Each structure stands twice: as C-alpha cells, then as structure tokens.
C-alpha cells in the first residue's frame, strides 16, 4: 500500500515538475546537454545508486536545489551530484555522461563566434602595418585578398616559428576553430600550423609549457576556410595559431604566418568556466 502511494506521489511530482523532451529541455526552463564519455572528477555532494536513465539523474540534480552538475553511468547505474562545476576538472571516461544544469534565462548562444574584435597578439608584424596587424584576423571580414587590409602577416624571420594569439576575455569550453587563409598566389604560406590553448599569457611568451596543443594541421589547407573540431574537453582563454614547421625554402617569406580571419566557437558564450593553469 505504502509503495503504491509512493509511486503515485512520485509520478505526480515528476509530471508536474518536468516534461522532458528529446532535446533534454524542461518546461520549467532547466536543461542539460550530455557530454558523452566525459565525467567531472570533483568531489560529489551526493551519490545515488540504481538510477536507470540519464533523465532520472537529471531530475535528481534539479530536485537537489544546490546541484549544478552531475555524472551519470548507465552500467553502474550511478548518479553523482555536484554543487559546483569547474569545466577544467572534466576528463575523458568511457561509459560516463556529464551534464550541467542550465536555465533558459542564461540566453544560451551555442555555436557563436566569440572572436570578433577581441584583443590579439602576434610574434612580429610585416612592414606594412595596417595591412598586416594582428587584429585584422578578428575584424569579422573573411576577405582573402591581402591588399584589402583584412589579413595579418608576420615579418621575415627564419629563426622563429611565427605565432598569433587571441585573448577571449575569459575561459571557455572550445568547440571549433575556423581559419580563413589568403586566396592569392601565396596561400601556401599557411602550412603545418598548430592550435594551442592556455589559461594565461603575458603577451609575448608563447614557449610556456602550460600551452596545450589541441590540433596540428599538416601541409597546406586544401579548402578555405579550414574548420577544426577540437578534442573535448578543450578549455582555455587564449588560443594560439603557430607555424609548427619551418620550411627549407630559400625564400624566407614562405614561412610568414598570414591569417585572414580566425573564428572561435564555444559551447556557450555565457559559460561559467574557471580556467586553471595546466588543467586540460
């Protein structure tokens, strides 16, 4: 009898509190999108066993008013609740799913390019400053004609691997980097470049071991733009594009780093992600 009453109360509460649809959004304005094969490695505030679905674990987190995120493992089955979420504490873990509770009033802006007009740096600047300055790569203009003044260019220097860095203002979970190349007869200058991320940058030292290489493109891009999906989780405030290989060409101009636009897409422009040095 008591079991039947409990089931009725639970079903009533479940139907009243949430109506879960395929995109994991609730009618109460709360939702969580699962990160597959990822878990939060922080200390949980509660561990609930015998939770048989992701949605059930999501509900348990919502009911616990201090819960901000949760891990779910279907094989255990196990639901772990967390009071705080530090996205630099996420790690790959087979069989787990991580979710962070969010509300629709956060104005989620998934797949938004947040790079436009952000502060930028580069190792050197070619002699024609206005045509070559680092900020040209985030002016919102993808025109590949260098002479129109919307591309960057480093100076001739055979002793360094030229680099370009953008400051996103705060740390994010980074999803994609889109690189627009020059579209003239020297497009080959963009070659063998690496994408690296970091939480700190002093404006000049790009050799710090804290930089984490997330992607290496070999050769010259075959298409324009080049879209690069980053491994997850990739977390950082600063994104660096750098020539990883110096060519053996007699023409030192062949190793100039030129970018006509760099777009950075993140999980959410409103993400609250504490970036801690060295944790990726």
C-alpha atoms as a PDB file:
ATOM      1  CA  UNK A   1       0.000   0.000   0.000  1.00  0.00           C
ATOM      2  CA  UNK A   2       2.765   2.418   1.021  1.00  0.00           C
ATOM      3  CA  UNK A   3       4.702   1.504  -2.132  1.00  0.00           C
ATOM      4  CA  UNK A   4       1.681   2.308  -4.340  1.00  0.00           C
ATOM      5  CA  UNK A   5       1.167   5.668  -2.636  1.00  0.00           C
ATOM      6  CA  UNK A   6       4.850   6.489  -3.045  1.00  0.00           C
ATOM      7  CA  UNK A   7       4.704   5.631  -6.743  1.00  0.00           C
ATOM      8  CA  UNK A   8       1.641   7.848  -7.261  1.00  0.00           C
ATOM      9  CA  UNK A   9       3.272  10.752  -5.452  1.00  0.00           C
ATOM     10  CA  UNK A  10       6.463  10.334  -7.431  1.00  0.00           C
ATOM     11  CA  UNK A  11       4.641  10.173 -10.772  1.00  0.00           C
ATOM     12  CA  UNK A  12       2.571  13.225  -9.904  1.00  0.00           C
ATOM     13  CA  UNK A  13       5.664  15.154  -8.867  1.00  0.00           C
ATOM     14  CA  UNK A  14       7.560  14.001 -11.953  1.00  0.00           C
ATOM     15  CA  UNK A  15       4.757  15.054 -14.312  1.00  0.00           C
ATOM     16  CA  UNK A  16       4.217  18.365 -12.565  1.00  0.00           C
ATOM     17  CA  UNK A  17       7.836  19.380 -12.209  1.00  0.00           C
ATOM     18  CA  UNK A  18       9.203  18.446 -15.614  1.00  0.00           C
ATOM     19  CA  UNK A  19       8.189  17.312 -19.044  1.00  0.00           C
ATOM     20  CA  UNK A  20      11.345  16.122 -20.684  1.00  0.00           C
ATOM     21  CA  UNK A  21      11.585  16.273 -24.456  1.00  0.00           C
ATOM     22  CA  UNK A  22      14.212  14.943 -26.836  1.00  0.00           C
ATOM     23  CA  UNK A  23      16.490  17.995 -26.565  1.00  0.00           C
ATOM     24  CA  UNK A  24      16.699  17.490 -22.755  1.00  0.00           C
ATOM     25  CA  UNK A  25      14.879  20.763 -22.030  1.00  0.00           C
ATOM     26  CA  UNK A  26      12.321  21.008 -19.268  1.00  0.00           C
ATOM     27  CA  UNK A  27       9.148  23.082 -19.245  1.00  0.00           C
ATOM     28  CA  UNK A  28      10.472  24.693 -16.054  1.00  0.00           C
ATOM     29  CA  UNK A  29      13.242  26.247 -18.152  1.00  0.00           C
ATOM     30  CA  UNK A  30      16.018  23.918 -16.951  1.00  0.00           C
ATOM     31  CA  UNK A  31      18.056  21.663 -19.196  1.00  0.00           C
ATOM     32  CA  UNK A  32      21.351  19.818 -19.539  1.00  0.00           C
ATOM     33  CA  UNK A  33      23.029  18.544 -22.699  1.00  0.00           C
ATOM     34  CA  UNK A  34      25.072  15.362 -22.116  1.00  0.00           C
ATOM     35  CA  UNK A  35      28.807  15.231 -22.736  1.00  0.00           C
ATOM     36  CA  UNK A  36      29.382  11.632 -23.841  1.00  0.00           C
ATOM     37  CA  UNK A  37      32.290   9.667 -22.308  1.00  0.00           C
ATOM     38  CA  UNK A  38      33.175  12.604 -20.042  1.00  0.00           C
ATOM     39  CA  UNK A  39      32.919  12.929 -16.259  1.00  0.00           C
ATOM     40  CA  UNK A  40      33.578  15.581 -13.628  1.00  0.00           C
ATOM     41  CA  UNK A  41      36.353  14.436 -11.278  1.00  0.00           C
ATOM     42  CA  UNK A  42      35.453  16.752  -8.376  1.00  0.00           C
ATOM     43  CA  UNK A  43      34.001  15.590  -5.046  1.00  0.00           C
ATOM     44  CA  UNK A  44      30.219  14.953  -5.355  1.00  0.00           C
ATOM     45  CA  UNK A  45      27.777  16.243  -2.765  1.00  0.00           C
ATOM     46  CA  UNK A  46      25.652  13.120  -3.187  1.00  0.00           C
ATOM     47  CA  UNK A  47      25.822   9.707  -4.878  1.00  0.00           C
ATOM     48  CA  UNK A  48      22.580   7.984  -5.850  1.00  0.00           C
ATOM     49  CA  UNK A  49      22.551   4.361  -6.994  1.00  0.00           C
ATOM     50  CA  UNK A  50      20.009   2.438  -9.070  1.00  0.00           C
ATOM     51  CA  UNK A  51      19.284   5.431 -11.312  1.00  0.00           C
ATOM     52  CA  UNK A  52      18.371   3.726 -14.571  1.00  0.00           C
ATOM     53  CA  UNK A  53      18.183   6.672 -17.012  1.00  0.00           C
ATOM     54  CA  UNK A  54      20.009   9.907 -17.781  1.00  0.00           C
ATOM     55  CA  UNK A  55      16.745  11.835 -17.397  1.00  0.00           C
ATOM     56  CA  UNK A  56      16.225  10.401 -13.905  1.00  0.00           C
ATOM     57  CA  UNK A  57      19.696  11.610 -12.865  1.00  0.00           C
ATOM     58  CA  UNK A  58      18.885  14.989 -14.396  1.00  0.00           C
ATOM     59  CA  UNK A  59      15.733  15.129 -12.268  1.00  0.00           C
ATOM     60  CA  UNK A  60      17.634  14.240  -9.092  1.00  0.00           C
ATOM     61  CA  UNK A  61      20.018  17.134  -9.713  1.00  0.00           C
ATOM     62  CA  UNK A  62      17.140  19.548 -10.285  1.00  0.00           C
ATOM     63  CA  UNK A  63      15.384  18.424  -7.096  1.00  0.00           C
ATOM     64  CA  UNK A  64      18.587  18.997  -5.103  1.00  0.00           C
ATOM     65  CA  UNK A  65      18.470  22.792  -5.216  1.00  0.00           C
ATOM     66  CA  UNK A  66      22.230  23.213  -4.716  1.00  0.00           C
ATOM     67  CA  UNK A  67      23.141  20.836  -7.552  1.00  0.00           C
ATOM     68  CA  UNK A  68      24.785  22.479 -10.575  1.00  0.00           C
ATOM     69  CA  UNK A  69      26.006  19.409 -12.470  1.00  0.00           C
ATOM     70  CA  UNK A  70      26.012  15.625 -12.456  1.00  0.00           C
ATOM     71  CA  UNK A  71      27.743  12.487 -13.704  1.00  0.00           C
ATOM     72  CA  UNK A  72      25.704   9.502 -14.881  1.00  0.00           C
ATOM     73  CA  UNK A  73      26.868   5.969 -15.611  1.00  0.00           C
ATOM     74  CA  UNK A  74      24.289   3.610 -17.070  1.00  0.00           C
ATOM     75  CA  UNK A  75      26.275   0.451 -16.310  1.00  0.00           C
ATOM     76  CA  UNK A  76      26.599   1.097 -12.562  1.00  0.00           C
ATOM     77  CA  UNK A  77      23.892   2.566 -12.591  1.00  0.00           C
ATOM     78  CA  UNK A  78      25.177   5.588 -10.669  1.00  0.00           C
ATOM     79  CA  UNK A  79      24.299   9.277 -10.416  1.00  0.00           C
ATOM     80  CA  UNK A  80      26.762  11.742  -8.872  1.00  0.00           C
ATOM     81  CA  UNK A  81      25.647  15.272  -7.966  1.00  0.00           C
ATOM     82  CA  UNK A  82      27.910  18.327  -7.732  1.00  0.00           C
ATOM     83  CA  UNK A  83      27.396  21.691  -6.065  1.00  0.00           C
ATOM     84  CA  UNK A  84      29.946  23.473  -8.277  1.00  0.00           C
ATOM     85  CA  UNK A  85      31.161  22.844 -11.810  1.00  0.00           C
ATOM     86  CA  UNK A  86      34.707  23.648 -12.869  1.00  0.00           C
ATOM     87  CA  UNK A  87      34.982  22.647 -16.512  1.00  0.00           C
ATOM     88  CA  UNK A  88      38.761  22.281 -16.240  1.00  0.00           C
ATOM     89  CA  UNK A  89      38.021  19.291 -13.969  1.00  0.00           C
ATOM     90  CA  UNK A  90      36.385  17.327 -16.770  1.00  0.00           C
ATOM     91  CA  UNK A  91      38.175  14.265 -18.092  1.00  0.00           C
ATOM     92  CA  UNK A  92      37.505  11.554 -20.651  1.00  0.00           C
ATOM     93  CA  UNK A  93      35.954   8.448 -19.112  1.00  0.00           C
ATOM     94  CA  UNK A  94      34.242   5.663 -21.077  1.00  0.00           C
ATOM     95  CA  UNK A  95      30.651   4.947 -20.131  1.00  0.00           C
ATOM     96  CA  UNK A  96      30.066   8.213 -18.289  1.00  0.00           C
ATOM     97  CA  UNK A  97      27.974  11.217 -19.231  1.00  0.00           C
ATOM     98  CA  UNK A  98      28.285  14.649 -17.689  1.00  0.00           C
ATOM     99  CA  UNK A  99      25.563  17.280 -17.588  1.00  0.00           C
ATOM    100  CA  UNK A 100      25.498  20.848 -16.315  1.00  0.00           C
ATOM    101  CA  UNK A 101      22.189  22.316 -15.229  1.00  0.00           C
ATOM    102  CA  UNK A 102      21.366  25.492 -17.118  1.00  0.00           C
ATOM    103  CA  UNK A 103      18.287  27.686 -17.379  1.00  0.00           C
ATOM    104  CA  UNK A 104      16.813  29.294 -20.459  1.00  0.00           C
ATOM    105  CA  UNK A 105      17.293  32.782 -18.966  1.00  0.00           C
ATOM    106  CA  UNK A 106      21.055  32.368 -19.455  1.00  0.00           C
ATOM    107  CA  UNK A 107      20.448  33.145 -23.144  1.00  0.00           C
ATOM    108  CA  UNK A 108      22.407  30.171 -24.369  1.00  0.00           C
ATOM    109  CA  UNK A 109      24.298  31.029 -27.523  1.00  0.00           C
ATOM    110  CA  UNK A 110      25.718  27.745 -28.739  1.00  0.00           C
ATOM    111  CA  UNK A 111      27.944  27.813 -31.780  1.00  0.00           C
ATOM    112  CA  UNK A 112      28.609  31.532 -31.513  1.00  0.00           C
ATOM    113  CA  UNK A 113      31.829  33.017 -32.876  1.00  0.00           C
ATOM    114  CA  UNK A 114      33.221  34.971 -29.919  1.00  0.00           C
ATOM    115  CA  UNK A 115      36.495  36.042 -31.536  1.00  0.00           C
ATOM    116  CA  UNK A 116      35.327  39.210 -33.310  1.00  0.00           C
ATOM    117  CA  UNK A 117      37.192  42.313 -32.114  1.00  0.00           C
ATOM    118  CA  UNK A 118      38.908  40.502 -29.245  1.00  0.00           C
ATOM    119  CA  UNK A 119      42.490  41.558 -28.306  1.00  0.00           C
ATOM    120  CA  UNK A 120      45.184  39.826 -30.382  1.00  0.00           C
ATOM    121  CA  UNK A 121      48.954  39.475 -30.483  1.00  0.00           C
ATOM    122  CA  UNK A 122      51.482  38.158 -32.982  1.00  0.00           C
ATOM    123  CA  UNK A 123      55.198  37.388 -32.888  1.00  0.00           C
ATOM    124  CA  UNK A 124      56.127  40.126 -35.377  1.00  0.00           C
ATOM    125  CA  UNK A 125      54.330  42.346 -37.877  1.00  0.00           C
ATOM    126  CA  UNK A 126      55.183  42.781 -41.542  1.00  0.00           C
ATOM    127  CA  UNK A 127      56.406  46.222 -42.639  1.00  0.00           C
ATOM    128  CA  UNK A 128      53.009  47.332 -43.952  1.00  0.00           C
ATOM    129  CA  UNK A 129      51.390  47.562 -40.510  1.00  0.00           C
ATOM    130  CA  UNK A 130      47.789  48.390 -41.448  1.00  0.00           C
ATOM    131  CA  UNK A 131      47.758  45.564 -43.981  1.00  0.00           C
ATOM    132  CA  UNK A 132      49.371  43.105 -41.574  1.00  0.00           C
ATOM    133  CA  UNK A 133      48.344  43.857 -37.971  1.00  0.00           C
ATOM    134  CA  UNK A 134      47.139  41.033 -35.741  1.00  0.00           C
ATOM    135  CA  UNK A 135      43.647  42.495 -35.244  1.00  0.00           C
ATOM    136  CA  UNK A 136      42.833  42.056 -38.928  1.00  0.00           C
ATOM    137  CA  UNK A 137      42.155  38.380 -38.235  1.00  0.00           C
ATOM    138  CA  UNK A 138      39.200  39.186 -35.968  1.00  0.00           C
ATOM    139  CA  UNK A 139      37.599  42.127 -37.783  1.00  0.00           C
ATOM    140  CA  UNK A 140      34.670  39.985 -38.978  1.00  0.00           C
ATOM    141  CA  UNK A 141      35.826  40.204 -42.610  1.00  0.00           C
ATOM    142  CA  UNK A 142      36.882  36.917 -44.244  1.00  0.00           C
ATOM    143  CA  UNK A 143      38.138  38.501 -47.476  1.00  0.00           C
ATOM    144  CA  UNK A 144      41.236  36.599 -48.614  1.00  0.00           C
ATOM    145  CA  UNK A 145      42.716  39.491 -50.586  1.00  0.00           C
ATOM    146  CA  UNK A 146      45.669  40.689 -48.510  1.00  0.00           C
ATOM    147  CA  UNK A 147      45.803  44.063 -50.246  1.00  0.00           C
ATOM    148  CA  UNK A 148      42.301  44.916 -48.986  1.00  0.00           C
ATOM    149  CA  UNK A 149      43.631  45.132 -45.442  1.00  0.00           C
ATOM    150  CA  UNK A 150      41.787  42.324 -43.678  1.00  0.00           C
ATOM    151  CA  UNK A 151      44.612  39.806 -43.223  1.00  0.00           C
ATOM    152  CA  UNK A 152      47.586  39.507 -40.890  1.00  0.00           C
ATOM    153  CA  UNK A 153      51.225  38.891 -41.763  1.00  0.00           C
ATOM    154  CA  UNK A 154      54.295  38.361 -39.616  1.00  0.00           C
ATOM    155  CA  UNK A 155      57.714  39.703 -40.593  1.00  0.00           C
ATOM    156  CA  UNK A 156      60.510  37.728 -42.198  1.00  0.00           C
ATOM    157  CA  UNK A 157      62.392  35.743 -39.553  1.00  0.00           C
ATOM    158  CA  UNK A 158      63.955  32.366 -40.245  1.00  0.00           C
ATOM    159  CA  UNK A 159      64.857  31.796 -36.589  1.00  0.00           C
ATOM    160  CA  UNK A 160      61.364  31.560 -35.084  1.00  0.00           C
ATOM    161  CA  UNK A 161      58.102  29.784 -35.712  1.00  0.00           C
ATOM    162  CA  UNK A 162      55.714  32.738 -36.113  1.00  0.00           C
ATOM    163  CA  UNK A 163      52.605  32.796 -33.956  1.00  0.00           C
ATOM    164  CA  UNK A 164      49.292  34.611 -33.481  1.00  0.00           C
ATOM    165  CA  UNK A 165      47.277  34.686 -30.224  1.00  0.00           C
ATOM    166  CA  UNK A 166      43.757  35.815 -29.314  1.00  0.00           C
ATOM    167  CA  UNK A 167      42.513  36.687 -25.825  1.00  0.00           C
ATOM    168  CA  UNK A 168      38.887  35.559 -25.416  1.00  0.00           C
ATOM    169  CA  UNK A 169      38.456  37.558 -22.214  1.00  0.00           C
ATOM    170  CA  UNK A 170      37.657  34.543 -20.062  1.00  0.00           C
ATOM    171  CA  UNK A 171      37.903  30.785 -20.312  1.00  0.00           C
ATOM    172  CA  UNK A 172      35.517  28.655 -22.352  1.00  0.00           C
ATOM    173  CA  UNK A 173      34.982  25.105 -23.468  1.00  0.00           C
ATOM    174  CA  UNK A 174      36.246  25.446 -27.042  1.00  0.00           C
ATOM    175  CA  UNK A 175      34.472  23.529 -29.788  1.00  0.00           C
ATOM    176  CA  UNK A 176      35.766  24.668 -33.172  1.00  0.00           C
ATOM    177  CA  UNK A 177      38.350  26.950 -34.716  1.00  0.00           C
ATOM    178  CA  UNK A 178      37.738  28.198 -38.264  1.00  0.00           C
ATOM    179  CA  UNK A 179      40.781  29.546 -40.112  1.00  0.00           C
ATOM    180  CA  UNK A 180      40.452  31.654 -43.271  1.00  0.00           C
ATOM    181  CA  UNK A 181      43.522  31.728 -45.499  1.00  0.00           C
ATOM    182  CA  UNK A 182      44.738  34.149 -48.179  1.00  0.00           C
ATOM    183  CA  UNK A 183      43.249  33.487 -51.597  1.00  0.00           C
ATOM    184  CA  UNK A 184      46.094  34.735 -53.805  1.00  0.00           C
ATOM    185  CA  UNK A 185      49.243  33.151 -55.190  1.00  0.00           C
ATOM    186  CA  UNK A 186      50.932  32.800 -51.775  1.00  0.00           C
ATOM    187  CA  UNK A 187      48.225  30.905 -49.896  1.00  0.00           C
ATOM    188  CA  UNK A 188      50.834  28.158 -49.373  1.00  0.00           C
ATOM    189  CA  UNK A 189      52.429  30.273 -46.637  1.00  0.00           C
ATOM    190  CA  UNK A 190      49.840  28.917 -44.225  1.00  0.00           C
ATOM    191  CA  UNK A 191      51.178  25.417 -43.623  1.00  0.00           C
ATOM    192  CA  UNK A 192      51.817  22.892 -40.856  1.00  0.00           C
ATOM    193  CA  UNK A 193      50.177  25.013 -38.180  1.00  0.00           C
ATOM    194  CA  UNK A 194      49.280  24.099 -34.623  1.00  0.00           C
ATOM    195  CA  UNK A 195      46.325  25.174 -32.473  1.00  0.00           C
ATOM    196  CA  UNK A 196      47.181  25.546 -28.787  1.00  0.00           C
ATOM    197  CA  UNK A 197      45.231  26.858 -25.796  1.00  0.00           C
ATOM    198  CA  UNK A 198      46.223  28.253 -22.429  1.00  0.00           C
ATOM    199  CA  UNK A 199      44.722  29.970 -19.395  1.00  0.00           C
ATOM    200  CA  UNK A 200      47.417  32.612 -19.031  1.00  0.00           C
ATOM    201  CA  UNK A 201      49.522  34.660 -21.438  1.00  0.00           C
ATOM    202  CA  UNK A 202      51.799  37.647 -20.814  1.00  0.00           C
ATOM    203  CA  UNK A 203      51.634  38.981 -24.363  1.00  0.00           C
ATOM    204  CA  UNK A 204      54.961  37.612 -25.528  1.00  0.00           C
ATOM    205  CA  UNK A 205      55.974  34.243 -24.048  1.00  0.00           C
ATOM    206  CA  UNK A 206      54.474  31.505 -26.187  1.00  0.00           C
ATOM    207  CA  UNK A 207      57.046  28.895 -25.145  1.00  0.00           C
ATOM    208  CA  UNK A 208      55.495  28.235 -21.745  1.00  0.00           C
ATOM    209  CA  UNK A 209      54.901  24.513 -21.070  1.00  0.00           C
ATOM    210  CA  UNK A 210      51.377  25.372 -19.950  1.00  0.00           C
ATOM    211  CA  UNK A 211      50.269  25.760 -23.581  1.00  0.00           C
ATOM    212  CA  UNK A 212      48.275  22.677 -24.546  1.00  0.00           C
ATOM    213  CA  UNK A 213      48.402  21.585 -28.177  1.00  0.00           C
ATOM    214  CA  UNK A 214      44.920  20.557 -29.247  1.00  0.00           C
ATOM    215  CA  UNK A 215      45.405  20.204 -33.009  1.00  0.00           C
ATOM    216  CA  UNK A 216      48.124  20.001 -35.653  1.00  0.00           C
ATOM    217  CA  UNK A 217      47.326  20.622 -39.313  1.00  0.00           C
ATOM    218  CA  UNK A 218      49.914  19.106 -41.636  1.00  0.00           C
ATOM    219  CA  UNK A 219      50.583  20.542 -45.074  1.00  0.00           C
ATOM    220  CA  UNK A 220      48.727  23.429 -46.703  1.00  0.00           C
ATOM    221  CA  UNK A 221      44.925  23.715 -46.292  1.00  0.00           C
ATOM    222  CA  UNK A 222      43.105  22.209 -49.252  1.00  0.00           C
ATOM    223  CA  UNK A 223      39.969  24.279 -48.723  1.00  0.00           C
ATOM    224  CA  UNK A 224      39.058  27.717 -47.436  1.00  0.00           C
ATOM    225  CA  UNK A 225      38.048  28.056 -44.705  1.00  0.00           C
ATOM    226  CA  UNK A 226      39.583  25.231 -42.677  1.00  0.00           C
ATOM    227  CA  UNK A 227      37.245  24.070 -39.894  1.00  0.00           C
ATOM    228  CA  UNK A 228      38.950  22.366 -36.969  1.00  0.00           C
ATOM    229  CA  UNK A 229      36.947  20.463 -34.354  1.00  0.00           C
ATOM    230  CA  UNK A 230      38.857  20.385 -31.082  1.00  0.00           C
ATOM    231  CA  UNK A 231      39.082  17.317 -28.820  1.00  0.00           C
ATOM    232  CA  UNK A 232      36.925  17.504 -25.708  1.00  0.00           C
ATOM    233  CA  UNK A 233      37.343  18.839 -23.207  1.00  0.00           C
ATOM    234  CA  UNK A 234      39.434  21.742 -24.592  1.00  0.00           C
ATOM    235  CA  UNK A 235      39.343  24.628 -22.136  1.00  0.00           C
ATOM    236  CA  UNK A 236      41.180  27.929 -22.303  1.00  0.00           C
ATOM    237  CA  UNK A 237      41.116  31.697 -22.509  1.00  0.00           C
ATOM    238  CA  UNK A 238      43.920  32.170 -25.034  1.00  0.00           C
ATOM    239  CA  UNK A 239      44.083  30.457 -28.436  1.00  0.00           C
ATOM    240  CA  UNK A 240      47.329  30.350 -30.407  1.00  0.00           C
ATOM    241  CA  UNK A 241      47.910  29.595 -34.083  1.00  0.00           C
ATOM    242  CA  UNK A 242      51.571  28.884 -34.810  1.00  0.00           C
ATOM    243  CA  UNK A 243      53.682  27.554 -37.636  1.00  0.00           C
ATOM    244  CA  UNK A 244      54.843  24.198 -36.302  1.00  0.00           C
ATOM    245  CA  UNK A 245      57.387  23.571 -39.074  1.00  0.00           C
ATOM    246  CA  UNK A 246      59.835  25.934 -40.735  1.00  0.00           C
ATOM    247  CA  UNK A 247      60.204  25.057 -44.408  1.00  0.00           C
ATOM    248  CA  UNK A 248      63.538  24.549 -46.121  1.00  0.00           C
ATOM    249  CA  UNK A 249      62.703  27.124 -48.766  1.00  0.00           C
ATOM    250  CA  UNK A 250      65.330  29.685 -49.739  1.00  0.00           C
ATOM    251  CA  UNK A 251      62.633  32.354 -49.631  1.00  0.00           C
ATOM    252  CA  UNK A 252      62.100  33.364 -46.002  1.00  0.00           C
ATOM    253  CA  UNK A 253      58.709  34.819 -46.942  1.00  0.00           C
ATOM    254  CA  UNK A 254      57.421  31.277 -47.348  1.00  0.00           C
ATOM    255  CA  UNK A 255      57.173  30.987 -43.570  1.00  0.00           C
ATOM    256  CA  UNK A 256      55.282  34.199 -42.885  1.00  0.00           C
ATOM    257  CA  UNK A 257      52.154  33.476 -40.872  1.00  0.00           C
ATOM    258  CA  UNK A 258      49.172  35.057 -42.598  1.00  0.00           C
ATOM    259  CA  UNK A 259      45.584  34.735 -41.392  1.00  0.00           C
ATOM    260  CA  UNK A 260      42.606  36.449 -42.993  1.00  0.00           C
ATOM    261  CA  UNK A 261      40.128  35.549 -40.249  1.00  0.00           C
ATOM    262  CA  UNK A 262      40.047  33.285 -37.214  1.00  0.00           C
ATOM    263  CA  UNK A 263      36.688  32.278 -35.751  1.00  0.00           C
ATOM    264  CA  UNK A 264      36.378  30.652 -32.331  1.00  0.00           C
ATOM    265  CA  UNK A 265      33.227  28.711 -31.472  1.00  0.00           C
ATOM    266  CA  UNK A 266      32.453  27.765 -27.901  1.00  0.00           C
ATOM    267  CA  UNK A 267      29.877  25.669 -26.108  1.00  0.00           C
ATOM    268  CA  UNK A 268      28.159  28.689 -24.589  1.00  0.00           C
ATOM    269  CA  UNK A 269      29.017  32.369 -24.591  1.00  0.00           C
ATOM    270  CA  UNK A 270      27.582  32.524 -21.041  1.00  0.00           C
ATOM    271  CA  UNK A 271      29.554  29.583 -19.739  1.00  0.00           C
ATOM    272  CA  UNK A 272      30.919  29.877 -16.223  1.00  0.00           C
ATOM    273  CA  UNK A 273      34.227  28.060 -16.582  1.00  0.00           C
ATOM    274  CA  UNK A 274      37.076  28.656 -14.164  1.00  0.00           C
ATOM    275  CA  UNK A 275      40.293  28.265 -16.103  1.00  0.00           C
ATOM    276  CA  UNK A 276      43.108  26.818 -14.024  1.00  0.00           C
ATOM    277  CA  UNK A 277      46.650  26.750 -15.312  1.00  0.00           C
ATOM    278  CA  UNK A 278      47.808  23.374 -16.514  1.00  0.00           C
ATOM    279  CA  UNK A 279      44.473  21.573 -16.192  1.00  0.00           C
ATOM    280  CA  UNK A 280      43.291  20.268 -19.562  1.00  0.00           C
END
